[in-house]
Amino acid sequence: MKNSFERKILFGLSVFLFIFTLLPIIAPIAAYLNLNFIADPIYWIYQWFCHQRPWRSYHLFDYQLAMDARMMLMFGSMAIASLLIYIKNLKPLKPFTAVIFAVIFIIPLGMDGVIQAIAEMTSYGGSGLPFYESTNLMRSITGTLFGIGVAFAMFPYLNSFNQFISPIIYIKPIIWTFVFSILFMCFIVFSWNISSKVYKPSHLLFDAKARFPGYNYEVTTSAGHSTIERVFNVDDKKLYLERARHFEKKEYIE
């Protein structure tokens, strides 16, 4: 039923996801306006969900968003998908099909994240560059696919527990979710481009540059460019400093 308790939960979940995605955007705007009493709590809260590495994040007014590019699009796509699922009252896939569906959409993020993690680990102990660093564009796309997979596999169960539909019905909502998510990404990057002077994206509507701290990006601690300093891993900073010295990148040494 349209007014069922479960659908109210779905609507509430959609509202929560939109707010959860909006707050990381409010943080840099508040920081720019010197409203640190708003920015600081947001940055502090989101540090528990995200590593907040600035070279993997979008920026506004030269302040990074409170979540990195991958998580911004992950939760953004979930928010968009949840709203479409609520409006269209989409019924769920059969449980086994839903699991397969989710796994297929999660694989790209898993591959990108695992390869990036292996590249990081193999670069430790030396000052060389990792053999791979994902870009914000790739993080956004894989985050979007992950969000779509999770949302369409799980959220429709809040519309029904005993009526299942074919995956074919999901094609149009998935396409719309992906399109709106990419437009959301482009809007963020465009806003970043016109609002920032120091930290800029590689292109007007997307950021496809691989950034390596100590090589082509300044040496920062976790959550650089926010209004409060948080150091989680001093060893990381030492590595980046060694890398900057090795490649004689004095401009990236603090």
Protein backbone atom coordinates (compact mmCIF):
# COMPACT_ATOMS: atom_id res chain seq x y z
CA MET A 1 0.00 0.00 0.00
CA LYS A 2 1.19 3.49 -0.87
CA ASN A 3 0.78 4.80 2.68
CA SER A 4 2.32 1.79 4.34
CA PHE A 5 4.80 2.16 7.18
CA GLU A 6 7.55 0.70 5.01
CA ARG A 7 7.02 3.35 2.32
CA LYS A 8 7.23 6.05 4.94
CA ILE A 9 10.58 4.59 5.95
CA LEU A 10 11.66 4.70 2.28
CA PHE A 11 10.65 8.35 2.00
CA GLY A 12 12.49 9.14 5.24
CA LEU A 13 15.54 7.28 3.96
CA SER A 14 15.47 9.35 0.77
CA VAL A 15 15.31 12.61 2.73
CA PHE A 16 18.15 11.46 4.97
CA LEU A 17 20.35 10.54 1.99
CA PHE A 18 19.78 13.91 0.33
CA ILE A 19 20.68 15.73 3.56
CA PHE A 20 23.69 13.45 4.10
CA THR A 21 24.92 14.31 0.60
CA LEU A 22 24.21 18.03 0.95
CA LEU A 23 26.06 18.65 4.23
CA PRO A 24 29.55 17.94 2.81
CA ILE A 25 28.84 20.66 0.22
CA ILE A 26 27.71 23.12 2.88
CA ALA A 27 30.96 22.64 4.84
CA PRO A 28 33.35 24.37 2.38
CA ILE A 29 30.84 27.15 1.72
CA ALA A 30 30.54 27.78 5.46
CA ALA A 31 34.34 27.68 5.80
CA TYR A 32 34.69 30.27 3.03
CA LEU A 33 32.18 32.52 4.83
CA ASN A 34 34.15 32.08 8.10
CA LEU A 35 31.21 30.24 9.63
CA ASN A 36 33.49 27.69 11.25
CA PHE A 37 30.90 26.87 13.89
CA ILE A 38 28.99 25.25 11.00
CA ALA A 39 31.91 23.93 8.94
CA ASP A 40 33.97 22.35 11.72
CA PRO A 41 31.27 20.02 13.11
CA ILE A 42 30.48 18.80 9.59
CA TYR A 43 34.14 18.08 8.79
CA TRP A 44 34.54 16.39 12.19
CA ILE A 45 31.46 14.18 11.83
CA TYR A 46 32.27 13.08 8.28
CA GLN A 47 35.85 12.13 9.15
CA TRP A 48 34.35 8.96 10.64
CA PHE A 49 32.83 8.02 7.26
CA CYS A 50 35.58 9.16 4.91
CA HIS A 51 39.39 9.49 4.83
CA GLN A 52 38.96 13.09 3.60
CA ARG A 53 42.13 13.06 1.54
CA PRO A 54 42.07 16.37 -0.35
CA TRP A 55 43.66 15.04 -3.53
CA ARG A 56 40.77 12.62 -3.84
CA SER A 57 38.09 15.20 -3.15
CA TYR A 58 36.16 17.94 -4.87
CA HIS A 59 36.60 21.52 -3.62
CA LEU A 60 34.60 24.72 -3.35
CA PHE A 61 36.25 28.08 -2.68
CA ASP A 62 39.55 26.17 -2.23
CA TYR A 63 38.08 24.14 0.66
CA GLN A 64 37.53 20.46 0.11
CA LEU A 65 34.11 18.88 0.48
CA ALA A 66 33.66 16.89 3.68
CA MET A 67 33.48 13.61 1.71
CA ASP A 68 35.74 12.46 -1.10
CA ALA A 69 34.55 12.20 -4.70
CA ARG A 70 33.69 8.49 -4.53
CA MET A 71 31.50 8.77 -1.46
CA MET A 72 29.82 11.97 -2.68
CA LEU A 73 28.56 10.16 -5.77
CA MET A 74 27.90 6.94 -3.88
CA PHE A 75 25.46 8.58 -1.48
CA GLY A 76 24.24 11.05 -4.10
CA SER A 77 23.22 8.24 -6.45
CA MET A 78 21.56 6.40 -3.56
CA ALA A 79 19.55 9.54 -2.77
CA ILE A 80 18.42 9.92 -6.38
CA ALA A 81 17.62 6.21 -6.72
CA SER A 82 15.66 6.12 -3.46
CA LEU A 83 13.48 9.01 -4.63
CA LEU A 84 12.78 7.35 -8.00
CA ILE A 85 12.02 4.04 -6.28
CA TYR A 86 9.59 5.82 -3.94
CA ILE A 87 7.86 7.85 -6.67
CA LYS A 88 7.51 4.91 -9.06
CA ASN A 89 6.68 2.50 -6.23
CA LEU A 90 9.13 -0.01 -7.71
CA LYS A 91 8.80 -3.55 -6.47
CA PRO A 92 11.92 -5.58 -5.58
CA LEU A 93 13.83 -8.24 -7.46
CA LYS A 94 13.81 -11.79 -6.17
CA PRO A 95 16.41 -12.05 -3.36
CA PHE A 96 18.95 -14.10 -5.31
CA THR A 97 18.58 -11.84 -8.37
CA ALA A 98 18.96 -8.77 -6.15
CA VAL A 99 22.24 -10.09 -4.76
CA ILE A 100 23.62 -10.80 -8.24
CA PHE A 101 22.43 -7.39 -9.40
CA ALA A 102 24.19 -5.63 -6.51
CA VAL A 103 27.42 -7.57 -6.99
CA ILE A 104 27.59 -6.66 -10.68
CA PHE A 105 27.33 -2.94 -9.89
CA ILE A 106 29.75 -3.14 -6.96
CA ILE A 107 32.54 -4.90 -8.88
CA PRO A 108 33.88 -1.74 -10.65
CA LEU A 109 34.34 0.06 -7.34
CA GLY A 110 35.91 -3.01 -5.78
CA MET A 111 38.40 -3.38 -8.62
CA ASP A 112 39.31 0.32 -8.63
CA GLY A 113 39.65 0.43 -4.85
CA VAL A 114 41.63 -2.80 -4.54
CA ILE A 115 44.08 -1.87 -7.32
CA GLN A 116 44.55 1.55 -5.76
CA ALA A 117 45.13 0.00 -2.32
CA ILE A 118 47.69 -2.46 -3.71
CA ALA A 119 49.45 0.39 -5.50
CA GLU A 120 49.62 2.35 -2.24
CA MET A 121 50.96 -0.59 -0.24
CA THR A 122 53.65 -1.40 -2.79
CA SER A 123 54.80 2.24 -2.76
CA TYR A 124 55.34 2.27 1.00
CA GLY A 125 58.89 1.95 2.20
CA GLY A 126 60.18 3.92 -0.77
CA SER A 127 59.75 7.34 -2.32
CA GLY A 128 58.50 6.17 -5.71
CA LEU A 129 55.05 6.78 -7.11
CA PRO A 130 52.31 4.13 -6.89
CA PHE A 131 51.78 2.35 -10.20
CA TYR A 132 48.12 3.46 -10.11
CA GLU A 133 46.10 6.30 -8.64
CA SER A 134 42.40 6.57 -9.39
CA THR A 135 41.04 9.91 -10.58
CA ASN A 136 38.06 11.78 -9.17
CA LEU A 137 36.21 11.01 -12.40
CA MET A 138 36.80 7.28 -11.99
CA ARG A 139 35.93 7.45 -8.29
CA SER A 140 32.70 9.26 -9.12
CA ILE A 141 31.65 6.75 -11.78
CA THR A 142 32.43 3.69 -9.65
CA GLY A 143 30.77 5.35 -6.64
CA THR A 144 27.66 6.02 -8.73
CA LEU A 145 27.48 2.41 -9.92
CA PHE A 146 27.95 1.17 -6.34
CA GLY A 147 25.13 3.42 -5.11
CA ILE A 148 22.84 2.26 -7.92
CA GLY A 149 23.57 -1.39 -7.16
CA VAL A 150 22.88 -1.07 -3.45
CA ALA A 151 19.82 1.15 -3.83
CA PHE A 152 17.98 -0.87 -6.48
CA ALA A 153 18.86 -4.17 -4.84
CA MET A 154 17.67 -3.20 -1.35
CA PHE A 155 15.35 -0.18 -1.25
CA PRO A 156 12.45 -1.63 -3.32
CA TYR A 157 11.87 -4.14 -0.51
CA LEU A 158 10.40 -1.21 1.43
CA ASN A 159 7.66 -1.09 -1.22
CA SER A 160 6.85 -4.80 -1.10
CA PHE A 161 7.97 -8.01 0.56
CA ASN A 162 5.92 -10.46 -1.48
CA GLN A 163 5.68 -9.02 -5.00
CA PHE A 164 8.72 -9.27 -7.28
CA ILE A 165 9.43 -7.85 -10.74
CA SER A 166 11.81 -8.45 -13.63
CA PRO A 167 15.18 -6.61 -13.73
CA ILE A 168 14.10 -5.20 -17.13
CA ILE A 169 11.72 -2.82 -15.30
CA TYR A 170 14.77 -1.27 -13.62
CA ILE A 171 16.50 -0.25 -16.87
CA LYS A 172 14.94 3.21 -17.26
CA PRO A 173 15.17 4.18 -13.55
CA ILE A 174 18.81 3.06 -13.52
CA ILE A 175 19.61 5.12 -16.61
CA TRP A 176 17.93 8.19 -15.12
CA THR A 177 19.75 7.71 -11.82
CA PHE A 178 23.09 7.46 -13.61
CA VAL A 179 22.36 10.52 -15.78
CA PHE A 180 21.26 12.68 -12.82
CA SER A 181 24.26 11.50 -10.79
CA ILE A 182 26.71 12.46 -13.54
CA LEU A 183 24.98 15.84 -13.93
CA PHE A 184 25.35 16.28 -10.18
CA MET A 185 29.07 15.53 -10.51
CA CYS A 186 29.44 17.99 -13.38
CA PHE A 187 27.66 20.69 -11.38
CA ILE A 188 30.03 20.19 -8.44
CA VAL A 189 33.12 20.30 -10.67
CA PHE A 190 31.84 23.39 -12.52
CA SER A 191 31.19 25.11 -9.19
CA TRP A 192 34.66 24.07 -8.04
CA ASN A 193 36.19 25.54 -11.19
CA ILE A 194 34.56 28.96 -10.90
CA SER A 195 34.87 29.30 -7.10
CA SER A 196 38.49 28.21 -6.48
CA LYS A 197 41.80 29.84 -7.34
CA VAL A 198 44.44 27.48 -5.90
CA TYR A 199 42.92 24.00 -6.16
CA LYS A 200 41.38 23.50 -9.58
CA PRO A 201 39.88 20.52 -11.47
CA SER A 202 41.52 19.29 -14.65
CA HIS A 203 38.52 20.21 -16.83
CA LEU A 204 35.45 22.43 -16.68
CA LEU A 205 32.93 19.65 -15.95
CA PHE A 206 35.03 16.71 -14.71
CA ASP A 207 38.29 16.06 -12.90
CA ALA A 208 40.32 13.33 -14.60
CA LYS A 209 43.78 14.06 -13.22
CA ALA A 210 45.68 11.51 -11.11
CA ARG A 211 47.21 13.36 -8.16
CA PHE A 212 50.16 12.07 -6.15
CA PRO A 213 50.96 13.92 -2.89
CA GLY A 214 54.58 14.98 -2.93
CA TYR A 215 54.79 14.72 -6.71
CA ASN A 216 52.08 16.79 -8.38
CA TYR A 217 50.03 17.70 -5.33
CA GLU A 218 51.08 19.42 -2.13
CA VAL A 219 51.96 17.42 0.97
CA THR A 220 49.02 17.59 3.34
CA THR A 221 47.67 15.70 6.29
CA SER A 222 44.29 14.03 6.18
CA ALA A 223 41.50 16.58 5.71
CA GLY A 224 43.78 19.25 4.30
CA HIS A 225 42.09 22.50 3.23
CA SER A 226 39.44 22.18 5.91
CA THR A 227 39.23 24.56 8.84
CA ILE A 228 40.49 22.10 11.43
CA GLU A 229 43.60 19.93 11.26
CA ARG A 230 43.38 16.21 11.88
CA VAL A 231 46.40 13.94 11.54
CA PHE A 232 45.49 10.25 11.34
CA ASN A 233 48.65 8.75 9.89
CA VAL A 234 51.95 10.57 10.37
CA ASP A 235 53.73 7.85 8.37
CA ASP A 236 51.75 8.89 5.30
CA LYS A 237 53.01 12.44 5.61
CA LYS A 238 56.60 11.24 6.01
CA LEU A 239 56.25 9.19 2.83
CA TYR A 240 54.89 12.15 0.89
CA LEU A 241 57.74 14.36 2.14
CA GLU A 242 60.30 11.74 1.07
CA ARG A 243 58.63 11.53 -2.32
CA ALA A 244 58.75 15.32 -2.74
CA ARG A 245 62.45 15.39 -1.85
CA HIS A 246 63.19 12.43 -4.15
CA PHE A 247 61.58 14.13 -7.13
CA GLU A 248 62.92 17.55 -6.08
CA LYS A 249 59.43 19.00 -5.84
CA LYS A 250 60.23 21.76 -3.36
CA GLU A 251 56.94 23.53 -4.04
CA TYR A 252 55.08 20.61 -2.45
CA ILE A 253 57.09 20.53 0.78
CA GLU A 254 55.46 22.34 3.66
